[in-house]
All heavy atoms as atom14 arrays in JSON, in Angstrom:
{
  "sequence": "HVFQNTSIGEEGIKLTGSNDIYKVSEILQRSEKEDFILFRVNIT",
  "atom14_mask": [
    [1, 1, 1, 1, 1, 1, 1, 1, 1, 1, 0, 0, 0, 0],
    [1, 1, 1, 1, 1, 1, 1, 0, 0, 0, 0, 0, 0, 0],
    [1, 1, 1, 1, 1, 1, 1, 1, 1, 1, 1, 0, 0, 0],
    [1, 1, 1, 1, 1, 1, 1, 1, 1, 0, 0, 0, 0, 0],
    [1, 1, 1, 1, 1, 1, 1, 1, 0, 0, 0, 0, 0, 0],
    [1, 1, 1, 1, 1, 1, 1, 0, 0, 0, 0, 0, 0, 0],
    [1, 1, 1, 1, 1, 1, 0, 0, 0, 0, 0, 0, 0, 0],
    [1, 1, 1, 1, 1, 1, 1, 1, 0, 0, 0, 0, 0, 0],
    [1, 1, 1, 1, 0, 0, 0, 0, 0, 0, 0, 0, 0, 0],
    [1, 1, 1, 1, 1, 1, 1, 1, 1, 0, 0, 0, 0, 0],
    [1, 1, 1, 1, 1, 1, 1, 1, 1, 0, 0, 0, 0, 0],
    [1, 1, 1, 1, 0, 0, 0, 0, 0, 0, 0, 0, 0, 0],
    [1, 1, 1, 1, 1, 1, 1, 1, 0, 0, 0, 0, 0, 0],
    [1, 1, 1, 1, 1, 1, 1, 1, 1, 0, 0, 0, 0, 0],
    [1, 1, 1, 1, 1, 1, 1, 1, 0, 0, 0, 0, 0, 0],
    [1, 1, 1, 1, 1, 1, 1, 0, 0, 0, 0, 0, 0, 0],
    [1, 1, 1, 1, 0, 0, 0, 0, 0, 0, 0, 0, 0, 0],
    [1, 1, 1, 1, 1, 1, 0, 0, 0, 0, 0, 0, 0, 0],
    [1, 1, 1, 1, 1, 1, 1, 1, 0, 0, 0, 0, 0, 0],
    [1, 1, 1, 1, 1, 1, 1, 1, 0, 0, 0, 0, 0, 0],
    [1, 1, 1, 1, 1, 1, 1, 1, 0, 0, 0, 0, 0, 0],
    [1, 1, 1, 1, 1, 1, 1, 1, 1, 1, 1, 1, 0, 0],
    [1, 1, 1, 1, 1, 1, 1, 1, 1, 0, 0, 0, 0, 0],
    [1, 1, 1, 1, 1, 1, 1, 0, 0, 0, 0, 0, 0, 0],
    [1, 1, 1, 1, 1, 1, 0, 0, 0, 0, 0, 0, 0, 0],
    [1, 1, 1, 1, 1, 1, 1, 1, 1, 0, 0, 0, 0, 0],
    [1, 1, 1, 1, 1, 1, 1, 1, 0, 0, 0, 0, 0, 0],
    [1, 1, 1, 1, 1, 1, 1, 1, 0, 0, 0, 0, 0, 0],
    [1, 1, 1, 1, 1, 1, 1, 1, 1, 0, 0, 0, 0, 0],
    [1, 1, 1, 1, 1, 1, 1, 1, 1, 1, 1, 0, 0, 0],
    [1, 1, 1, 1, 1, 1, 0, 0, 0, 0, 0, 0, 0, 0],
    [1, 1, 1, 1, 1, 1, 1, 1, 1, 0, 0, 0, 0, 0],
    [1, 1, 1, 1, 1, 1, 1, 1, 1, 0, 0, 0, 0, 0],
    [1, 1, 1, 1, 1, 1, 1, 1, 1, 0, 0, 0, 0, 0],
    [1, 1, 1, 1, 1, 1, 1, 1, 0, 0, 0, 0, 0, 0],
    [1, 1, 1, 1, 1, 1, 1, 1, 1, 1, 1, 0, 0, 0],
    [1, 1, 1, 1, 1, 1, 1, 1, 0, 0, 0, 0, 0, 0],
    [1, 1, 1, 1, 1, 1, 1, 1, 0, 0, 0, 0, 0, 0],
    [1, 1, 1, 1, 1, 1, 1, 1, 1, 1, 1, 0, 0, 0],
    [1, 1, 1, 1, 1, 1, 1, 1, 1, 1, 1, 0, 0, 0],
    [1, 1, 1, 1, 1, 1, 1, 0, 0, 0, 0, 0, 0, 0],
    [1, 1, 1, 1, 1, 1, 1, 1, 0, 0, 0, 0, 0, 0],
    [1, 1, 1, 1, 1, 1, 1, 1, 0, 0, 0, 0, 0, 0],
    [1, 1, 1, 1, 1, 1, 1, 0, 0, 0, 0, 0, 0, 0]
  ],
  "atom14_positions": [
    [[-6.9, -5.23, 6.26], [-8.17, -5.49, 5.55], [-8.34, -4.5, 4.39], [-9.19, -4.74, 3.52], [-9.36, -5.46, 6.51], [-9.83, -4.08, 6.95], [-9.48, -3.62, 8.26], [-10.48, -3.11, 6.36], [-10.04, -2.48, 8.39], [-10.67, -2.06, 7.28], [0.0, 0.0, 0.0], [0.0, 0.0, 0.0], [0.0, 0.0, 0.0], [0.0, 0.0, 0.0]],
    [[-7.62, -3.47, 4.38], [-7.65, -2.53, 3.28], [-7.1, -3.15, 1.98], [-7.52, -2.9, 0.86], [-6.9, -1.23, 3.51], [-6.77, -0.29, 2.36], [-7.62, -0.38, 4.69], [0.0, 0.0, 0.0], [0.0, 0.0, 0.0], [0.0, 0.0, 0.0], [0.0, 0.0, 0.0], [0.0, 0.0, 0.0], [0.0, 0.0, 0.0], [0.0, 0.0, 0.0]],
    [[-6.14, -4.04, 2.22], [-5.46, -4.74, 1.08], [-5.93, -6.17, 0.85], [-5.59, -6.79, -0.11], [-3.97, -4.8, 1.3], [-3.25, -3.36, 1.26], [-3.36, -2.45, 2.13], [-2.42, -3.1, 0.1], [-2.66, -1.23, 2.15], [-1.82, -1.93, 0.03], [-1.92, -0.99, 0.97], [0.0, 0.0, 0.0], [0.0, 0.0, 0.0], [0.0, 0.0, 0.0]],
    [[-6.67, -6.67, 1.8], [-7.06, -8.09, 1.8], [-7.78, -8.44, 0.53], [-8.78, -7.77, 0.12], [-7.93, -8.37, 3.04], [-8.22, -9.88, 3.25], [-9.01, -10.14, 4.56], [-9.53, -9.16, 5.11], [-9.08, -11.4, 4.93], [0.0, 0.0, 0.0], [0.0, 0.0, 0.0], [0.0, 0.0, 0.0], [0.0, 0.0, 0.0], [0.0, 0.0, 0.0]],
    [[-7.38, -9.58, -0.12], [-8.05, -10.16, -1.25], [-7.98, -9.22, -2.48], [-8.8, -9.34, -3.36], [-9.48, -10.58, -1.05], [-9.57, -11.71, -0.01], [-8.64, -12.49, 0.13], [-10.62, -11.79, 0.73], [0.0, 0.0, 0.0], [0.0, 0.0, 0.0], [0.0, 0.0, 0.0], [0.0, 0.0, 0.0], [0.0, 0.0, 0.0], [0.0, 0.0, 0.0]],
    [[-7.02, -8.27, -2.43], [-6.9, -7.4, -3.65], [-5.61, -7.79, -4.37], [-4.85, -8.64, -3.91], [-6.77, -5.92, -3.23], [-5.68, -5.74, -2.41], [-8.05, -5.46, -2.48], [0.0, 0.0, 0.0], [0.0, 0.0, 0.0], [0.0, 0.0, 0.0], [0.0, 0.0, 0.0], [0.0, 0.0, 0.0], [0.0, 0.0, 0.0], [0.0, 0.0, 0.0]],
    [[-5.51, -7.24, -5.58], [-4.4, -7.61, -6.42], [-3.15, -6.75, -6.19], [-3.23, -5.53, -6.4], [-4.82, -7.51, -7.9], [-5.91, -8.24, -8.17], [0.0, 0.0, 0.0], [0.0, 0.0, 0.0], [0.0, 0.0, 0.0], [0.0, 0.0, 0.0], [0.0, 0.0, 0.0], [0.0, 0.0, 0.0], [0.0, 0.0, 0.0], [0.0, 0.0, 0.0]],
    [[-2.09, -7.4, -5.73], [-0.83, -6.68, -5.47], [-0.36, -6.09, -6.81], [-0.26, -6.78, -7.81], [0.23, -7.61, -4.86], [-0.28, -8.23, -3.54], [1.54, -6.89, -4.68], [-0.59, -7.21, -2.52], [0.0, 0.0, 0.0], [0.0, 0.0, 0.0], [0.0, 0.0, 0.0], [0.0, 0.0, 0.0], [0.0, 0.0, 0.0], [0.0, 0.0, 0.0]],
    [[-0.01, -4.78, -6.71], [0.39, -4.13, -7.97], [-0.62, -3.24, -8.56], [-0.37, -2.38, -9.42], [0.0, 0.0, 0.0], [0.0, 0.0, 0.0], [0.0, 0.0, 0.0], [0.0, 0.0, 0.0], [0.0, 0.0, 0.0], [0.0, 0.0, 0.0], [0.0, 0.0, 0.0], [0.0, 0.0, 0.0], [0.0, 0.0, 0.0], [0.0, 0.0, 0.0]],
    [[-1.85, -3.39, -8.06], [-2.91, -2.55, -8.57], [-3.44, -1.51, -7.5], [-4.4, -0.94, -7.6], [-4.19, -3.45, -8.92], [-3.89, -4.31, -10.17], [-5.11, -5.0, -10.69], [-6.21, -4.84, -10.08], [-5.04, -5.76, -11.7], [0.0, 0.0, 0.0], [0.0, 0.0, 0.0], [0.0, 0.0, 0.0], [0.0, 0.0, 0.0], [0.0, 0.0, 0.0]],
    [[-2.5, -1.34, -6.55], [-2.82, -0.31, -5.54], [-2.4, 1.09, -6.02], [-1.51, 1.17, -6.84], [-2.06, -0.6, -4.21], [-2.2, -1.94, -3.71], [-1.09, -2.84, -4.17], [-0.4, -2.46, -5.12], [-0.98, -3.98, -3.64], [0.0, 0.0, 0.0], [0.0, 0.0, 0.0], [0.0, 0.0, 0.0], [0.0, 0.0, 0.0], [0.0, 0.0, 0.0]],
    [[-3.11, 2.08, -5.54], [-2.73, 3.44, -5.85], [-2.69, 4.23, -4.57], [-3.61, 4.17, -3.75], [0.0, 0.0, 0.0], [0.0, 0.0, 0.0], [0.0, 0.0, 0.0], [0.0, 0.0, 0.0], [0.0, 0.0, 0.0], [0.0, 0.0, 0.0], [0.0, 0.0, 0.0], [0.0, 0.0, 0.0], [0.0, 0.0, 0.0], [0.0, 0.0, 0.0]],
    [[-1.61, 5.0, -4.36], [-1.45, 5.83, -3.2], [-1.54, 7.23, -3.63], [-0.7, 7.72, -4.41], [0.01, 5.58, -2.53], [0.13, 4.05, -2.26], [0.15, 6.38, -1.3], [-0.91, 3.49, -1.26], [0.0, 0.0, 0.0], [0.0, 0.0, 0.0], [0.0, 0.0, 0.0], [0.0, 0.0, 0.0], [0.0, 0.0, 0.0], [0.0, 0.0, 0.0]],
    [[-2.46, 8.01, -3.12], [-2.65, 9.41, -3.55], [-2.26, 10.3, -2.33], [-2.83, 10.2, -1.3], [-4.11, 9.75, -3.94], [-4.28, 11.25, -4.27], [-5.76, 11.52, -4.52], [-5.88, 12.98, -4.92], [-5.4, 13.99, -3.87], [0.0, 0.0, 0.0], [0.0, 0.0, 0.0], [0.0, 0.0, 0.0], [0.0, 0.0, 0.0], [0.0, 0.0, 0.0]],
    [[-1.23, 11.1, -2.56], [-0.76, 11.98, -1.48], [-1.61, 13.24, -1.48], [-2.16, 13.76, -2.46], [0.66, 12.4, -1.76], [1.72, 11.24, -1.89], [3.11, 11.84, -2.0], [1.62, 10.27, -0.72], [0.0, 0.0, 0.0], [0.0, 0.0, 0.0], [0.0, 0.0, 0.0], [0.0, 0.0, 0.0], [0.0, 0.0, 0.0], [0.0, 0.0, 0.0]],
    [[-1.73, 13.72, -0.23], [-2.57, 14.99, -0.09], [-1.9, 16.21, -0.82], [-0.66, 16.35, -0.76], [-2.57, 15.31, 1.44], [-3.19, 14.26, 2.15], [-3.42, 16.64, 1.68], [0.0, 0.0, 0.0], [0.0, 0.0, 0.0], [0.0, 0.0, 0.0], [0.0, 0.0, 0.0], [0.0, 0.0, 0.0], [0.0, 0.0, 0.0], [0.0, 0.0, 0.0]],
    [[-2.73, 16.87, -1.55], [-2.27, 18.08, -2.29], [-1.54, 17.72, -3.56], [-0.93, 18.58, -4.18], [0.0, 0.0, 0.0], [0.0, 0.0, 0.0], [0.0, 0.0, 0.0], [0.0, 0.0, 0.0], [0.0, 0.0, 0.0], [0.0, 0.0, 0.0], [0.0, 0.0, 0.0], [0.0, 0.0, 0.0], [0.0, 0.0, 0.0], [0.0, 0.0, 0.0]],
    [[-1.58, 16.46, -3.96], [-0.88, 16.05, -5.23], [-1.87, 15.32, -6.15], [-2.82, 14.62, -5.63], [0.29, 15.1, -4.86], [0.8, 14.53, -6.06], [0.0, 0.0, 0.0], [0.0, 0.0, 0.0], [0.0, 0.0, 0.0], [0.0, 0.0, 0.0], [0.0, 0.0, 0.0], [0.0, 0.0, 0.0], [0.0, 0.0, 0.0], [0.0, 0.0, 0.0]],
    [[-1.67, 15.45, -7.38], [-2.44, 14.75, -8.37], [-1.74, 13.47, -8.82], [-2.26, 12.77, -9.67], [-2.7, 15.59, -9.57], [-3.75, 16.74, -9.22], [-4.59, 16.58, -8.38], [-3.54, 17.9, -9.92], [0.0, 0.0, 0.0], [0.0, 0.0, 0.0], [0.0, 0.0, 0.0], [0.0, 0.0, 0.0], [0.0, 0.0, 0.0], [0.0, 0.0, 0.0]],
    [[-0.63, 13.2, -8.32], [0.17, 12.01, -8.69], [-0.21, 10.78, -7.91], [-0.62, 10.89, -6.75], [1.67, 12.25, -8.46], [2.25, 13.41, -9.34], [1.8, 13.51, -10.45], [3.11, 14.13, -8.81], [0.0, 0.0, 0.0], [0.0, 0.0, 0.0], [0.0, 0.0, 0.0], [0.0, 0.0, 0.0], [0.0, 0.0, 0.0], [0.0, 0.0, 0.0]],
    [[-0.22, 9.63, -8.58], [-0.52, 8.38, -8.0], [0.75, 7.49, -7.92], [1.45, 7.34, -8.88], [-1.57, 7.59, -8.8], [-2.89, 8.41, -8.86], [-1.84, 6.24, -8.16], [-3.49, 8.73, -7.57], [0.0, 0.0, 0.0], [0.0, 0.0, 0.0], [0.0, 0.0, 0.0], [0.0, 0.0, 0.0], [0.0, 0.0, 0.0], [0.0, 0.0, 0.0]],
    [[1.02, 6.96, -6.68], [2.26, 6.17, -6.46], [1.91, 4.75, -6.19], [0.69, 4.42, -5.84], [3.02, 6.79, -5.27], [3.55, 8.16, -5.49], [2.73, 9.28, -5.15], [4.81, 8.41, -6.13], [3.17, 10.56, -5.43], [5.25, 9.67, -6.36], [4.48, 10.69, -6.05], [4.87, 12.04, -6.2], [0.0, 0.0, 0.0], [0.0, 0.0, 0.0]],
    [[2.83, 3.85, -6.43], [2.6, 2.47, -6.29], [3.27, 1.86, -5.07], [4.27, 2.46, -4.58], [3.1, 1.69, -7.54], [2.53, 2.21, -8.82], [1.04, 1.99, -8.94], [0.74, 0.54, -9.15], [-0.67, 0.29, -9.34], [0.0, 0.0, 0.0], [0.0, 0.0, 0.0], [0.0, 0.0, 0.0], [0.0, 0.0, 0.0], [0.0, 0.0, 0.0]],
    [[2.74, 0.78, -4.54], [3.41, -0.01, -3.52], [4.56, -0.77, -4.11], [4.27, -1.51, -5.07], [2.38, -0.92, -2.77], [3.16, -1.84, -1.78], [1.32, -0.09, -2.09], [0.0, 0.0, 0.0], [0.0, 0.0, 0.0], [0.0, 0.0, 0.0], [0.0, 0.0, 0.0], [0.0, 0.0, 0.0], [0.0, 0.0, 0.0], [0.0, 0.0, 0.0]],
    [[5.76, -0.57, -3.63], [6.9, -1.24, -4.21], [7.21, -2.54, -3.52], [7.86, -3.43, -4.08], [8.1, -0.29, -4.28], [8.42, 0.11, -2.89], [0.0, 0.0, 0.0], [0.0, 0.0, 0.0], [0.0, 0.0, 0.0], [0.0, 0.0, 0.0], [0.0, 0.0, 0.0], [0.0, 0.0, 0.0], [0.0, 0.0, 0.0], [0.0, 0.0, 0.0]],
    [[6.82, -2.66, -2.21], [7.26, -3.88, -1.43], [6.3, -4.0, -0.24], [6.02, -3.02, 0.49], [8.64, -3.6, -0.99], [9.25, -4.9, -0.21], [10.66, -4.62, 0.24], [11.15, -3.54, 0.08], [11.33, -5.63, 0.66], [0.0, 0.0, 0.0], [0.0, 0.0, 0.0], [0.0, 0.0, 0.0], [0.0, 0.0, 0.0], [0.0, 0.0, 0.0]],
    [[5.85, -5.19, 0.03], [5.14, -5.56, 1.23], [6.18, -6.14, 2.21], [6.79, -7.21, 1.93], [3.96, -6.61, 1.01], [2.99, -6.01, -0.03], [3.24, -6.88, 2.27], [2.23, -4.83, 0.4], [0.0, 0.0, 0.0], [0.0, 0.0, 0.0], [0.0, 0.0, 0.0], [0.0, 0.0, 0.0], [0.0, 0.0, 0.0], [0.0, 0.0, 0.0]],
    [[6.31, -5.55, 3.32], [7.36, -6.0, 4.29], [6.87, -6.91, 5.29], [7.47, -7.86, 5.73], [8.02, -4.7, 4.98], [8.7, -3.78, 4.04], [9.14, -2.52, 4.76], [9.79, -4.41, 3.29], [0.0, 0.0, 0.0], [0.0, 0.0, 0.0], [0.0, 0.0, 0.0], [0.0, 0.0, 0.0], [0.0, 0.0, 0.0], [0.0, 0.0, 0.0]],
    [[5.6, -6.66, 5.86], [4.99, -7.57, 6.85], [3.5, -7.26, 6.87], [3.08, -6.2, 6.62], [5.65, -7.17, 8.25], [5.3, -8.23, 9.27], [5.82, -9.65, 8.96], [5.01, -10.57, 8.91], [7.17, -9.79, 8.76], [0.0, 0.0, 0.0], [0.0, 0.0, 0.0], [0.0, 0.0, 0.0], [0.0, 0.0, 0.0], [0.0, 0.0, 0.0]],
    [[2.81, -8.24, 7.26], [1.32, -8.09, 7.38], [0.8, -9.06, 8.42], [1.36, -10.12, 8.64], [0.62, -8.29, 6.06], [0.95, -9.55, 5.35], [0.43, -9.56, 3.92], [1.21, -10.36, 2.99], [0.99, -10.4, 1.72], [0.01, -9.67, 1.13], [1.73, -11.13, 0.98], [0.0, 0.0, 0.0], [0.0, 0.0, 0.0], [0.0, 0.0, 0.0]],
    [[-0.36, -8.65, 9.06], [-1.0, -9.59, 10.03], [-2.48, -9.43, 9.95], [-3.0, -8.25, 10.19], [-0.48, -9.24, 11.46], [-1.24, -9.9, 12.43], [0.0, 0.0, 0.0], [0.0, 0.0, 0.0], [0.0, 0.0, 0.0], [0.0, 0.0, 0.0], [0.0, 0.0, 0.0], [0.0, 0.0, 0.0], [0.0, 0.0, 0.0], [0.0, 0.0, 0.0]],
    [[-3.23, -10.43, 9.64], [-4.68, -10.33, 9.64], [-5.19, -10.22, 11.07], [-6.15, -9.55, 11.37], [-5.27, -11.58, 8.98], [-6.75, -11.54, 8.91], [-7.37, -12.74, 8.11], [-6.53, -13.66, 7.75], [-8.57, -12.76, 7.91], [0.0, 0.0, 0.0], [0.0, 0.0, 0.0], [0.0, 0.0, 0.0], [0.0, 0.0, 0.0], [0.0, 0.0, 0.0]],
    [[-4.53, -10.93, 12.02], [-4.93, -10.99, 13.38], [-4.94, -9.58, 14.04], [-5.85, -9.16, 14.73], [-4.07, -11.95, 14.24], [-4.45, -12.07, 15.69], [-3.53, -13.01, 16.47], [-3.85, -13.07, 17.92], [-2.94, -13.91, 18.62], [0.0, 0.0, 0.0], [0.0, 0.0, 0.0], [0.0, 0.0, 0.0], [0.0, 0.0, 0.0], [0.0, 0.0, 0.0]],
    [[-3.81, -8.86, 13.79], [-3.65, -7.53, 14.39], [-3.92, -6.42, 13.32], [-3.67, -5.24, 13.59], [-2.33, -7.35, 15.0], [-2.15, -8.27, 16.25], [-0.84, -8.12, 16.94], [0.16, -8.21, 16.24], [-0.89, -7.94, 18.2], [0.0, 0.0, 0.0], [0.0, 0.0, 0.0], [0.0, 0.0, 0.0], [0.0, 0.0, 0.0], [0.0, 0.0, 0.0]],
    [[-4.41, -6.81, 12.15], [-5.05, -5.88, 11.11], [-4.01, -4.81, 10.7], [-4.33, -3.61, 10.68], [-6.27, -5.33, 11.57], [-7.12, -4.81, 10.37], [-6.82, -5.16, 9.26], [-8.07, -4.08, 10.65], [0.0, 0.0, 0.0], [0.0, 0.0, 0.0], [0.0, 0.0, 0.0], [0.0, 0.0, 0.0], [0.0, 0.0, 0.0], [0.0, 0.0, 0.0]],
    [[-2.79, -5.15, 10.39], [-1.86, -4.2, 9.94], [-1.1, -4.7, 8.72], [-0.95, -5.91, 8.49], [-0.82, -3.71, 11.01], [0.28, -4.73, 11.27], [1.43, -4.67, 10.46], [0.19, -5.66, 12.26], [2.47, -5.64, 10.63], [1.22, -6.64, 12.48], [2.32, -6.53, 11.67], [0.0, 0.0, 0.0], [0.0, 0.0, 0.0], [0.0, 0.0, 0.0]],
    [[-0.63, -3.73, 7.91], [0.25, -4.06, 6.79], [1.35, -3.02, 6.76], [1.1, -1.79, 6.91], [-0.46, -4.18, 5.46], [0.41, -4.62, 4.35], [-1.2, -2.89, 5.09], [-0.3, -5.08, 3.09], [0.0, 0.0, 0.0], [0.0, 0.0, 0.0], [0.0, 0.0, 0.0], [0.0, 0.0, 0.0], [0.0, 0.0, 0.0], [0.0, 0.0, 0.0]],
    [[2.63, -3.54, 6.63], [3.73, -2.57, 6.66], [4.3, -2.7, 5.22], [4.64, -3.82, 4.73], [4.72, -3.09, 7.68], [6.11, -2.32, 7.8], [5.84, -0.89, 8.35], [7.01, -3.07, 8.76], [0.0, 0.0, 0.0], [0.0, 0.0, 0.0], [0.0, 0.0, 0.0], [0.0, 0.0, 0.0], [0.0, 0.0, 0.0], [0.0, 0.0, 0.0]],
    [[4.44, -1.62, 4.53], [4.84, -1.64, 3.12], [5.68, -0.36, 2.8], [5.79, 0.53, 3.57], [3.65, -1.69, 2.17], [2.7, -0.64, 2.38], [2.66, 0.52, 1.56], [1.69, -0.67, 3.38], [1.73, 1.53, 1.7], [0.7, 0.37, 3.54], [0.8, 1.45, 2.64], [0.0, 0.0, 0.0], [0.0, 0.0, 0.0], [0.0, 0.0, 0.0]],
    [[6.28, -0.42, 1.64], [7.07, 0.72, 1.13], [6.45, 1.23, -0.24], [6.06, 0.47, -1.07], [8.49, 0.28, 0.9], [9.49, 1.51, 0.82], [10.91, 1.07, 0.86], [11.32, 0.5, 2.12], [11.68, 1.26, 3.2], [11.59, 2.57, 3.11], [12.04, 0.69, 4.29], [0.0, 0.0, 0.0], [0.0, 0.0, 0.0], [0.0, 0.0, 0.0]],
    [[6.43, 2.54, -0.29], [5.85, 3.2, -1.52], [7.07, 3.76, -2.27], [8.07, 4.2, -1.71], [4.86, 4.37, -1.07], [4.41, 5.05, -2.31], [3.78, 3.91, -0.2], [0.0, 0.0, 0.0], [0.0, 0.0, 0.0], [0.0, 0.0, 0.0], [0.0, 0.0, 0.0], [0.0, 0.0, 0.0], [0.0, 0.0, 0.0], [0.0, 0.0, 0.0]],
    [[6.9, 3.8, -3.57], [8.08, 4.26, -4.43], [8.21, 5.77, -4.45], [8.1, 6.34, -5.51], [7.99, 3.66, -5.84], [6.74, 4.13, -6.58], [5.8, 4.57, -5.93], [6.75, 4.12, -7.9], [0.0, 0.0, 0.0], [0.0, 0.0, 0.0], [0.0, 0.0, 0.0], [0.0, 0.0, 0.0], [0.0, 0.0, 0.0], [0.0, 0.0, 0.0]],
    [[8.52, 6.24, -3.28], [8.73, 7.72, -3.18], [9.66, 7.95, -2.0], [9.78, 7.15, -1.1], [7.34, 8.44, -2.93], [7.55, 9.95, -2.97], [6.75, 7.99, -1.55], [6.22, 10.7, -2.86], [0.0, 0.0, 0.0], [0.0, 0.0, 0.0], [0.0, 0.0, 0.0], [0.0, 0.0, 0.0], [0.0, 0.0, 0.0], [0.0, 0.0, 0.0]],
    [[10.43, 9.05, -2.15], [11.36, 9.38, -1.01], [11.05, 10.87, -0.52], [10.25, 11.56, -1.19], [12.82, 9.3, -1.49], [12.94, 10.15, -2.66], [13.19, 7.91, -1.77], [0.0, 0.0, 0.0], [0.0, 0.0, 0.0], [0.0, 0.0, 0.0], [0.0, 0.0, 0.0], [0.0, 0.0, 0.0], [0.0, 0.0, 0.0], [0.0, 0.0, 0.0]]
  ]
}
């Protein structure tokens, strides 16, 4: 539900202690019923 009905590609991921914003690079799996989304961020 954090991502529900939002525009893919317009997400911003802010890491603790950092001023950098990272993007979601891939959505791997999601379920509205069990309210989870599995994704990859462009960071290693």
